[in-house]
Amino acid sequence: MLNLGPKTAAWLDAAGIHTRAQVAKLGPIGVCRRLLETGRPVSVLMAYAVEGALSGTHWNALPAETKQALRAEFAKMRADVRRGRQL
């Protein structure tokens, strides 16, 4: 998938995410949550990369509004993960 290289593919595989359909079902924030919960050091850039992969867009070309929404969702999810809560 666009934006997702071999290292990310290995992380996804180790987290039990093996198909594009799984990535689409989880969405960018769900993928990031799963990776964080499995000990991977992901940042909001991973959410951008996944969103871009799903939409066929380079992550850097995502609209500013999309990036802003992902930043807000990522921050909330990260706080929840740190508190050990499940959404």
PDB file of N, CA and C in Angstrom:
ATOM      1  N   MET A   1       0.840  -1.180   0.000  1.00  0.00           N
ATOM      2  CA  MET A   1       0.000   0.000   0.000  1.00  0.00           C
ATOM      3  C   MET A   1       0.890   1.250   0.000  1.00  0.00           C
ATOM      4  N   LEU A   2       0.421   2.266  -0.683  1.00  0.00           N
ATOM      5  CA  LEU A   2       1.120   3.543  -0.734  1.00  0.00           C
ATOM      6  C   LEU A   2       1.387   4.038   0.686  1.00  0.00           C
ATOM      7  N   ASN A   3       2.554   4.602   0.919  1.00  0.00           N
ATOM      8  CA  ASN A   3       2.980   5.186   2.195  1.00  0.00           C
ATOM      9  C   ASN A   3       3.435   4.166   3.237  1.00  0.00           C
ATOM     10  N   LEU A   4       3.156   2.901   3.035  1.00  0.00           N
ATOM     11  CA  LEU A   4       3.464   1.890   4.041  1.00  0.00           C
ATOM     12  C   LEU A   4       4.575   0.987   3.530  1.00  0.00           C
ATOM     13  N   GLY A   5       5.771   1.184   4.070  1.00  0.00           N
ATOM     14  CA  GLY A   5       6.931   0.431   3.626  1.00  0.00           C
ATOM     15  C   GLY A   5       7.097  -0.882   4.354  1.00  0.00           C
ATOM     16  N   PRO A   6       8.217  -1.550   4.124  1.00  0.00           N
ATOM     17  CA  PRO A   6       8.464  -2.871   4.704  1.00  0.00           C
ATOM     18  C   PRO A   6       8.454  -2.879   6.240  1.00  0.00           C
ATOM     19  N   LYS A   7       9.004  -1.852   6.859  1.00  0.00           N
ATOM     20  CA  LYS A   7       9.025  -1.809   8.326  1.00  0.00           C
ATOM     21  C   LYS A   7       7.603  -1.714   8.880  1.00  0.00           C
ATOM     22  N   THR A   8       6.812  -0.850   8.281  1.00  0.00           N
ATOM     23  CA  THR A   8       5.417  -0.717   8.718  1.00  0.00           C
ATOM     24  C   THR A   8       4.653  -2.006   8.456  1.00  0.00           C
ATOM     25  N   ALA A   9       4.893  -2.625   7.316  1.00  0.00           N
ATOM     26  CA  ALA A   9       4.224  -3.894   7.004  1.00  0.00           C
ATOM     27  C   ALA A   9       4.558  -4.949   8.051  1.00  0.00           C
ATOM     28  N   ALA A  10       5.806  -4.986   8.493  1.00  0.00           N
ATOM     29  CA  ALA A  10       6.200  -5.944   9.528  1.00  0.00           C
ATOM     30  C   ALA A  10       5.504  -5.627  10.849  1.00  0.00           C
ATOM     31  N   TRP A  11       5.407  -4.342  11.195  1.00  0.00           N
ATOM     32  CA  TRP A  11       4.699  -3.946  12.420  1.00  0.00           C
ATOM     33  C   TRP A  11       3.227  -4.349  12.350  1.00  0.00           C
ATOM     34  N   LEU A  12       2.603  -4.083  11.203  1.00  0.00           N
ATOM     35  CA  LEU A  12       1.195  -4.447  11.033  1.00  0.00           C
ATOM     36  C   LEU A  12       1.005  -5.951  11.169  1.00  0.00           C
ATOM     37  N   ASP A  13       1.865  -6.700  10.527  1.00  0.00           N
ATOM     38  CA  ASP A  13       1.779  -8.159  10.595  1.00  0.00           C
ATOM     39  C   ASP A  13       1.910  -8.643  12.040  1.00  0.00           C
ATOM     40  N   ALA A  14       2.878  -8.099  12.761  1.00  0.00           N
ATOM     41  CA  ALA A  14       3.087  -8.492  14.158  1.00  0.00           C
ATOM     42  C   ALA A  14       1.899  -8.111  15.036  1.00  0.00           C
ATOM     43  N   ALA A  15       1.155  -7.077  14.635  1.00  0.00           N
ATOM     44  CA  ALA A  15      -0.018  -6.633  15.395  1.00  0.00           C
ATOM     45  C   ALA A  15      -1.289  -7.352  14.958  1.00  0.00           C
ATOM     46  N   GLY A  16      -1.158  -8.311  14.039  1.00  0.00           N
ATOM     47  CA  GLY A  16      -2.313  -9.085  13.590  1.00  0.00           C
ATOM     48  C   GLY A  16      -3.120  -8.426  12.489  1.00  0.00           C
ATOM     49  N   ILE A  17      -2.538  -7.451  11.833  1.00  0.00           N
ATOM     50  CA  ILE A  17      -3.206  -6.760  10.728  1.00  0.00           C
ATOM     51  C   ILE A  17      -2.528  -7.230   9.446  1.00  0.00           C
ATOM     52  N   HIS A  18      -3.242  -8.047   8.676  1.00  0.00           N
ATOM     53  CA  HIS A  18      -2.622  -8.720   7.543  1.00  0.00           C
ATOM     54  C   HIS A  18      -3.168  -8.309   6.171  1.00  0.00           C
ATOM     55  N   THR A  19      -4.308  -7.626   6.155  1.00  0.00           N
ATOM     56  CA  THR A  19      -4.917  -7.313   4.863  1.00  0.00           C
ATOM     57  C   THR A  19      -5.323  -5.844   4.783  1.00  0.00           C
ATOM     58  N   ARG A  20      -5.489  -5.382   3.546  1.00  0.00           N
ATOM     59  CA  ARG A  20      -5.977  -4.022   3.328  1.00  0.00           C
ATOM     60  C   ARG A  20      -7.357  -3.870   3.947  1.00  0.00           C
ATOM     61  N   ALA A  21      -8.182  -4.906   3.863  1.00  0.00           N
ATOM     62  CA  ALA A  21      -9.527  -4.852   4.440  1.00  0.00           C
ATOM     63  C   ALA A  21      -9.473  -4.622   5.949  1.00  0.00           C
ATOM     64  N   GLN A  22      -8.517  -5.248   6.616  1.00  0.00           N
ATOM     65  CA  GLN A  22      -8.369  -5.028   8.057  1.00  0.00           C
ATOM     66  C   GLN A  22      -7.956  -3.587   8.342  1.00  0.00           C
ATOM     67  N   VAL A  23      -7.033  -3.070   7.538  1.00  0.00           N
ATOM     68  CA  VAL A  23      -6.601  -1.682   7.701  1.00  0.00           C
ATOM     69  C   VAL A  23      -7.796  -0.755   7.500  1.00  0.00           C
ATOM     70  N   ALA A  24      -8.595  -1.010   6.467  1.00  0.00           N
ATOM     71  CA  ALA A  24      -9.764  -0.175   6.187  1.00  0.00           C
ATOM     72  C   ALA A  24     -10.783  -0.258   7.319  1.00  0.00           C
ATOM     73  N   LYS A  25     -11.000  -1.442   7.852  1.00  0.00           N
ATOM     74  CA  LYS A  25     -11.970  -1.617   8.934  1.00  0.00           C
ATOM     75  C   LYS A  25     -11.522  -0.875  10.193  1.00  0.00           C
ATOM     76  N   LEU A  26     -10.240  -0.967  10.527  1.00  0.00           N
ATOM     77  CA  LEU A  26      -9.718  -0.281  11.719  1.00  0.00           C
ATOM     78  C   LEU A  26      -9.620   1.223  11.521  1.00  0.00           C
ATOM     79  N   GLY A  27      -9.298   1.638  10.302  1.00  0.00           N
ATOM     80  CA  GLY A  27      -9.080   3.050  10.018  1.00  0.00           C
ATOM     81  C   GLY A  27      -7.744   3.500  10.586  1.00  0.00           C
ATOM     82  N   PRO A  28      -7.328   4.716  10.253  1.00  0.00           N
ATOM     83  CA  PRO A  28      -6.011   5.185  10.666  1.00  0.00           C
ATOM     84  C   PRO A  28      -5.806   5.200  12.180  1.00  0.00           C
ATOM     85  N   ILE A  29      -6.804   5.633  12.915  1.00  0.00           N
ATOM     86  CA  ILE A  29      -6.648   5.730  14.364  1.00  0.00           C
ATOM     87  C   ILE A  29      -6.677   4.345  14.999  1.00  0.00           C
ATOM     88  N   GLY A  30      -7.504   3.471  14.495  1.00  0.00           N
ATOM     89  CA  GLY A  30      -7.540   2.090  15.003  1.00  0.00           C
ATOM     90  C   GLY A  30      -6.234   1.360  14.753  1.00  0.00           C
ATOM     91  N   VAL A  31      -5.647   1.575  13.592  1.00  0.00           N
ATOM     92  CA  VAL A  31      -4.347   0.968  13.292  1.00  0.00           C
ATOM     93  C   VAL A  31      -3.294   1.505  14.263  1.00  0.00           C
ATOM     94  N   CYS A  32      -3.280   2.818  14.452  1.00  0.00           N
ATOM     95  CA  CYS A  32      -2.314   3.412  15.381  1.00  0.00           C
ATOM     96  C   CYS A  32      -2.513   2.877  16.797  1.00  0.00           C
ATOM     97  N   ARG A  33      -3.757   2.744  17.218  1.00  0.00           N
ATOM     98  CA  ARG A  33      -4.054   2.201  18.543  1.00  0.00           C
ATOM     99  C   ARG A  33      -3.458   0.796  18.676  1.00  0.00           C
ATOM    100  N   ARG A  34      -3.726  -0.031  17.688  1.00  0.00           N
ATOM    101  CA  ARG A  34      -3.234  -1.411  17.739  1.00  0.00           C
ATOM    102  C   ARG A  34      -1.710  -1.432  17.809  1.00  0.00           C
ATOM    103  N   LEU A  35      -1.066  -0.588  17.009  1.00  0.00           N
ATOM    104  CA  LEU A  35       0.398  -0.550  17.017  1.00  0.00           C
ATOM    105  C   LEU A  35       0.935  -0.047  18.358  1.00  0.00           C
ATOM    106  N   LEU A  36       0.310   0.983  18.921  1.00  0.00           N
ATOM    107  CA  LEU A  36       0.734   1.476  20.235  1.00  0.00           C
ATOM    108  C   LEU A  36       0.566   0.400  21.301  1.00  0.00           C
ATOM    109  N   GLU A  37      -0.539  -0.296  21.237  1.00  0.00           N
ATOM    110  CA  GLU A  37      -0.810  -1.339  22.229  1.00  0.00           C
ATOM    111  C   GLU A  37       0.155  -2.516  22.119  1.00  0.00           C
ATOM    112  N   THR A  38       0.779  -2.656  20.958  1.00  0.00           N
ATOM    113  CA  THR A  38       1.775  -3.721  20.796  1.00  0.00           C
ATOM    114  C   THR A  38       3.195  -3.200  20.958  1.00  0.00           C
ATOM    115  N   GLY A  39       3.312  -1.971  21.488  1.00  0.00           N
ATOM    116  CA  GLY A  39       4.619  -1.436  21.839  1.00  0.00           C
ATOM    117  C   GLY A  39       5.374  -0.709  20.749  1.00  0.00           C
ATOM    118  N   ARG A  40       4.724  -0.406  19.658  1.00  0.00           N
ATOM    119  CA  ARG A  40       5.399   0.316  18.574  1.00  0.00           C
ATOM    120  C   ARG A  40       5.379   1.816  18.849  1.00  0.00           C
ATOM    121  N   PRO A  41       6.448   2.511  18.523  1.00  0.00           N
ATOM    122  CA  PRO A  41       6.540   3.956  18.789  1.00  0.00           C
ATOM    123  C   PRO A  41       5.931   4.785  17.664  1.00  0.00           C
ATOM    124  N   VAL A  42       4.615   4.757  17.534  1.00  0.00           N
ATOM    125  CA  VAL A  42       3.983   5.474  16.422  1.00  0.00           C
ATOM    126  C   VAL A  42       3.617   6.900  16.821  1.00  0.00           C
ATOM    127  N   SER A  43       3.584   7.751  15.820  1.00  0.00           N
ATOM    128  CA  SER A  43       3.166   9.136  15.996  1.00  0.00           C
ATOM    129  C   SER A  43       1.996   9.391  15.052  1.00  0.00           C
ATOM    130  N   VAL A  44       1.511  10.617  15.081  1.00  0.00           N
ATOM    131  CA  VAL A  44       0.407  10.986  14.211  1.00  0.00           C
ATOM    132  C   VAL A  44       0.775  10.803  12.735  1.00  0.00           C
ATOM    133  N   LEU A  45       2.051  10.817  12.414  1.00  0.00           N
ATOM    134  CA  LEU A  45       2.460  10.594  11.026  1.00  0.00           C
ATOM    135  C   LEU A  45       2.019   9.224  10.518  1.00  0.00           C
ATOM    136  N   MET A  46       1.940   8.243  11.408  1.00  0.00           N
ATOM    137  CA  MET A  46       1.438   6.927  10.997  1.00  0.00           C
ATOM    138  C   MET A  46      -0.031   7.032  10.601  1.00  0.00           C
ATOM    139  N   ALA A  47      -0.802   7.812  11.334  1.00  0.00           N
ATOM    140  CA  ALA A  47      -2.206   8.006  10.969  1.00  0.00           C
ATOM    141  C   ALA A  47      -2.313   8.658   9.593  1.00  0.00           C
ATOM    142  N   TYR A  48      -1.454   9.650   9.337  1.00  0.00           N
ATOM    143  CA  TYR A  48      -1.441  10.275   8.014  1.00  0.00           C
ATOM    144  C   TYR A  48      -1.107   9.238   6.936  1.00  0.00           C
ATOM    145  N   ALA A  49      -0.103   8.416   7.202  1.00  0.00           N
ATOM    146  CA  ALA A  49       0.327   7.422   6.224  1.00  0.00           C
ATOM    147  C   ALA A  49      -0.789   6.433   5.923  1.00  0.00           C
ATOM    148  N   VAL A  50      -1.487   5.975   6.959  1.00  0.00           N
ATOM    149  CA  VAL A  50      -2.581   5.019   6.759  1.00  0.00           C
ATOM    150  C   VAL A  50      -3.733   5.678   6.008  1.00  0.00           C
ATOM    151  N   GLU A  51      -4.090   6.892   6.396  1.00  0.00           N
ATOM    152  CA  GLU A  51      -5.154   7.615   5.689  1.00  0.00           C
ATOM    153  C   GLU A  51      -4.792   7.773   4.215  1.00  0.00           C
ATOM    154  N   GLY A  52      -3.554   8.152   3.955  1.00  0.00           N
ATOM    155  CA  GLY A  52      -3.108   8.283   2.576  1.00  0.00           C
ATOM    156  C   GLY A  52      -3.130   6.962   1.832  1.00  0.00           C
ATOM    157  N   ALA A  53      -2.717   5.899   2.507  1.00  0.00           N
ATOM    158  CA  ALA A  53      -2.733   4.573   1.878  1.00  0.00           C
ATOM    159  C   ALA A  53      -4.153   4.178   1.496  1.00  0.00           C
ATOM    160  N   LEU A  54      -5.098   4.454   2.365  1.00  0.00           N
ATOM    161  CA  LEU A  54      -6.488   4.087   2.093  1.00  0.00           C
ATOM    162  C   LEU A  54      -7.106   4.946   0.998  1.00  0.00           C
ATOM    163  N   SER A  55      -6.661   6.194   0.896  1.00  0.00           N
ATOM    164  CA  SER A  55      -7.248   7.093  -0.100  1.00  0.00           C
ATOM    165  C   SER A  55      -6.412   7.204  -1.378  1.00  0.00           C
ATOM    166  N   GLY A  56      -5.252   6.520  -1.407  1.00  0.00           N
ATOM    167  CA  GLY A  56      -4.394   6.578  -2.586  1.00  0.00           C
ATOM    168  C   GLY A  56      -3.687   7.910  -2.740  1.00  0.00           C
ATOM    169  N   THR A  57      -3.369   8.538  -1.597  1.00  0.00           N
ATOM    170  CA  THR A  57      -2.751   9.858  -1.583  1.00  0.00           C
ATOM    171  C   THR A  57      -1.457   9.807  -0.790  1.00  0.00           C
ATOM    172  N   HIS A  58      -0.426  10.473  -1.267  1.00  0.00           N
ATOM    173  CA  HIS A  58       0.785  10.571  -0.450  1.00  0.00           C
ATOM    174  C   HIS A  58       0.401  11.284   0.832  1.00  0.00           C
ATOM    175  N   TRP A  59       0.916  10.827   1.955  1.00  0.00           N
ATOM    176  CA  TRP A  59       0.504  11.375   3.250  1.00  0.00           C
ATOM    177  C   TRP A  59       0.737  12.875   3.344  1.00  0.00           C
ATOM    178  N   ASN A  60       1.758  13.370   2.686  1.00  0.00           N
ATOM    179  CA  ASN A  60       2.072  14.796   2.764  1.00  0.00           C
ATOM    180  C   ASN A  60       1.098  15.644   1.946  1.00  0.00           C
ATOM    181  N   ALA A  61       0.346  15.010   1.056  1.00  0.00           N
ATOM    182  CA  ALA A  61      -0.606  15.736   0.213  1.00  0.00           C
ATOM    183  C   ALA A  61      -2.027  15.700   0.762  1.00  0.00           C
ATOM    184  N   LEU A  62      -2.219  15.127   1.947  1.00  0.00           N
ATOM    185  CA  LEU A  62      -3.552  15.112   2.546  1.00  0.00           C
ATOM    186  C   LEU A  62      -3.995  16.549   2.826  1.00  0.00           C
ATOM    187  N   PRO A  63      -5.271  16.827   2.696  1.00  0.00           N
ATOM    188  CA  PRO A  63      -5.762  18.172   2.998  1.00  0.00           C
ATOM    189  C   PRO A  63      -5.496  18.551   4.454  1.00  0.00           C
ATOM    190  N   ALA A  64      -5.280  19.825   4.685  1.00  0.00           N
ATOM    191  CA  ALA A  64      -5.005  20.323   6.038  1.00  0.00           C
ATOM    192  C   ALA A  64      -6.123  19.945   7.010  1.00  0.00           C
ATOM    193  N   GLU A  65      -7.365  19.971   6.545  1.00  0.00           N
ATOM    194  CA  GLU A  65      -8.496  19.629   7.412  1.00  0.00           C
ATOM    195  C   GLU A  65      -8.432  18.167   7.841  1.00  0.00           C
ATOM    196  N   THR A  66      -8.025  17.297   6.938  1.00  0.00           N
ATOM    197  CA  THR A  66      -7.893  15.879   7.260  1.00  0.00           C
ATOM    198  C   THR A  66      -6.801  15.681   8.292  1.00  0.00           C
ATOM    199  N   LYS A  67      -5.669  16.336   8.082  1.00  0.00           N
ATOM    200  CA  LYS A  67      -4.567  16.226   9.043  1.00  0.00           C
ATOM    201  C   LYS A  67      -4.982  16.754  10.412  1.00  0.00           C
ATOM    202  N   GLN A  68      -5.697  17.857  10.430  1.00  0.00           N
ATOM    203  CA  GLN A  68      -6.140  18.435  11.703  1.00  0.00           C
ATOM    204  C   GLN A  68      -7.066  17.467  12.431  1.00  0.00           C
ATOM    205  N   ALA A  69      -8.001  16.864  11.718  1.00  0.00           N
ATOM    206  CA  ALA A  69      -8.928  15.911  12.334  1.00  0.00           C
ATOM    207  C   ALA A  69      -8.170  14.691  12.856  1.00  0.00           C
ATOM    208  N   LEU A  70      -7.213  14.202  12.071  1.00  0.00           N
ATOM    209  CA  LEU A  70      -6.419  13.048  12.518  1.00  0.00           C
ATOM    210  C   LEU A  70      -5.584  13.395  13.746  1.00  0.00           C
ATOM    211  N   ARG A  71      -5.022  14.584  13.792  1.00  0.00           N
ATOM    212  CA  ARG A  71      -4.243  15.006  14.974  1.00  0.00           C
ATOM    213  C   ARG A  71      -5.106  14.979  16.228  1.00  0.00           C
ATOM    214  N   ALA A  72      -6.318  15.503  16.119  1.00  0.00           N
ATOM    215  CA  ALA A  72      -7.219  15.539  17.278  1.00  0.00           C
ATOM    216  C   ALA A  72      -7.608  14.121  17.711  1.00  0.00           C
ATOM    217  N   GLU A  73      -7.969  13.284  16.755  1.00  0.00           N
ATOM    218  CA  GLU A  73      -8.347  11.903  17.071  1.00  0.00           C
ATOM    219  C   GLU A  73      -7.166  11.129  17.643  1.00  0.00           C
ATOM    220  N   PHE A  74      -5.986  11.346  17.069  1.00  0.00           N
ATOM    221  CA  PHE A  74      -4.792  10.649  17.537  1.00  0.00           C
ATOM    222  C   PHE A  74      -4.476  11.042  18.981  1.00  0.00           C
ATOM    223  N   ALA A  75      -4.556  12.326  19.288  1.00  0.00           N
ATOM    224  CA  ALA A  75      -4.261  12.799  20.646  1.00  0.00           C
ATOM    225  C   ALA A  75      -5.219  12.173  21.650  1.00  0.00           C
ATOM    226  N   LYS A  76      -6.500  12.108  21.313  1.00  0.00           N
ATOM    227  CA  LYS A  76      -7.486  11.495  22.213  1.00  0.00           C
ATOM    228  C   LYS A  76      -7.199  10.011  22.392  1.00  0.00           C
ATOM    229  N   MET A  77      -6.936   9.323  21.285  1.00  0.00           N
ATOM    230  CA  MET A  77      -6.663   7.893  21.353  1.00  0.00           C
ATOM    231  C   MET A  77      -5.407   7.621  22.172  1.00  0.00           C
ATOM    232  N   ARG A  78      -4.357   8.399  21.948  1.00  0.00           N
ATOM    233  CA  ARG A  78      -3.105   8.200  22.677  1.00  0.00           C
ATOM    234  C   ARG A  78      -3.316   8.396  24.182  1.00  0.00           C
ATOM    235  N   ALA A  79      -4.079   9.400  24.548  1.00  0.00           N
ATOM    236  CA  ALA A  79      -4.389   9.627  25.962  1.00  0.00           C
ATOM    237  C   ALA A  79      -5.161   8.446  26.543  1.00  0.00           C
ATOM    238  N   ASP A  80      -6.113   7.921  25.776  1.00  0.00           N
ATOM    239  CA  ASP A  80      -6.874   6.755  26.228  1.00  0.00           C
ATOM    240  C   ASP A  80      -5.973   5.541  26.413  1.00  0.00           C
ATOM    241  N   VAL A  81      -5.066   5.322  25.474  1.00  0.00           N
ATOM    242  CA  VAL A  81      -4.150   4.186  25.565  1.00  0.00           C
ATOM    243  C   VAL A  81      -3.256   4.340  26.794  1.00  0.00           C
ATOM    244  N   ARG A  82      -2.777   5.541  27.023  1.00  0.00           N
ATOM    245  CA  ARG A  82      -1.918   5.786  28.186  1.00  0.00           C
ATOM    246  C   ARG A  82      -2.659   5.528  29.495  1.00  0.00           C
ATOM    247  N   ARG A  83      -3.946   5.807  29.499  1.00  0.00           N
ATOM    248  CA  ARG A  83      -4.751   5.557  30.699  1.00  0.00           C
ATOM    249  C   ARG A  83      -5.181   4.097  30.788  1.00  0.00           C
ATOM    250  N   GLY A  84      -4.932   3.346  29.723  1.00  0.00           N
ATOM    251  CA  GLY A  84      -5.294   1.929  29.726  1.00  0.00           C
ATOM    252  C   GLY A  84      -6.752   1.666  29.437  1.00  0.00           C
ATOM    253  N   ARG A  85      -7.438   2.695  28.924  1.00  0.00           N
ATOM    254  CA  ARG A  85      -8.847   2.543  28.601  1.00  0.00           C
ATOM    255  C   ARG A  85      -9.018   2.022  27.189  1.00  0.00           C
ATOM    256  N   GLN A  86     -10.081   1.323  26.984  1.00  0.00           N
ATOM    257  CA  GLN A  86     -10.472   0.906  25.644  1.00  0.00           C
ATOM    258  C   GLN A  86     -11.644   1.775  25.197  1.00  0.00           C
ATOM    259  N   LEU A  87     -11.641   2.167  23.938  1.00  0.00           N
ATOM    260  CA  LEU A  87     -12.771   2.961  23.430  1.00  0.00           C
ATOM    261  C   LEU A  87     -13.948   2.084  23.163  1.00  0.00           C
TER     262      LEU A  87
END
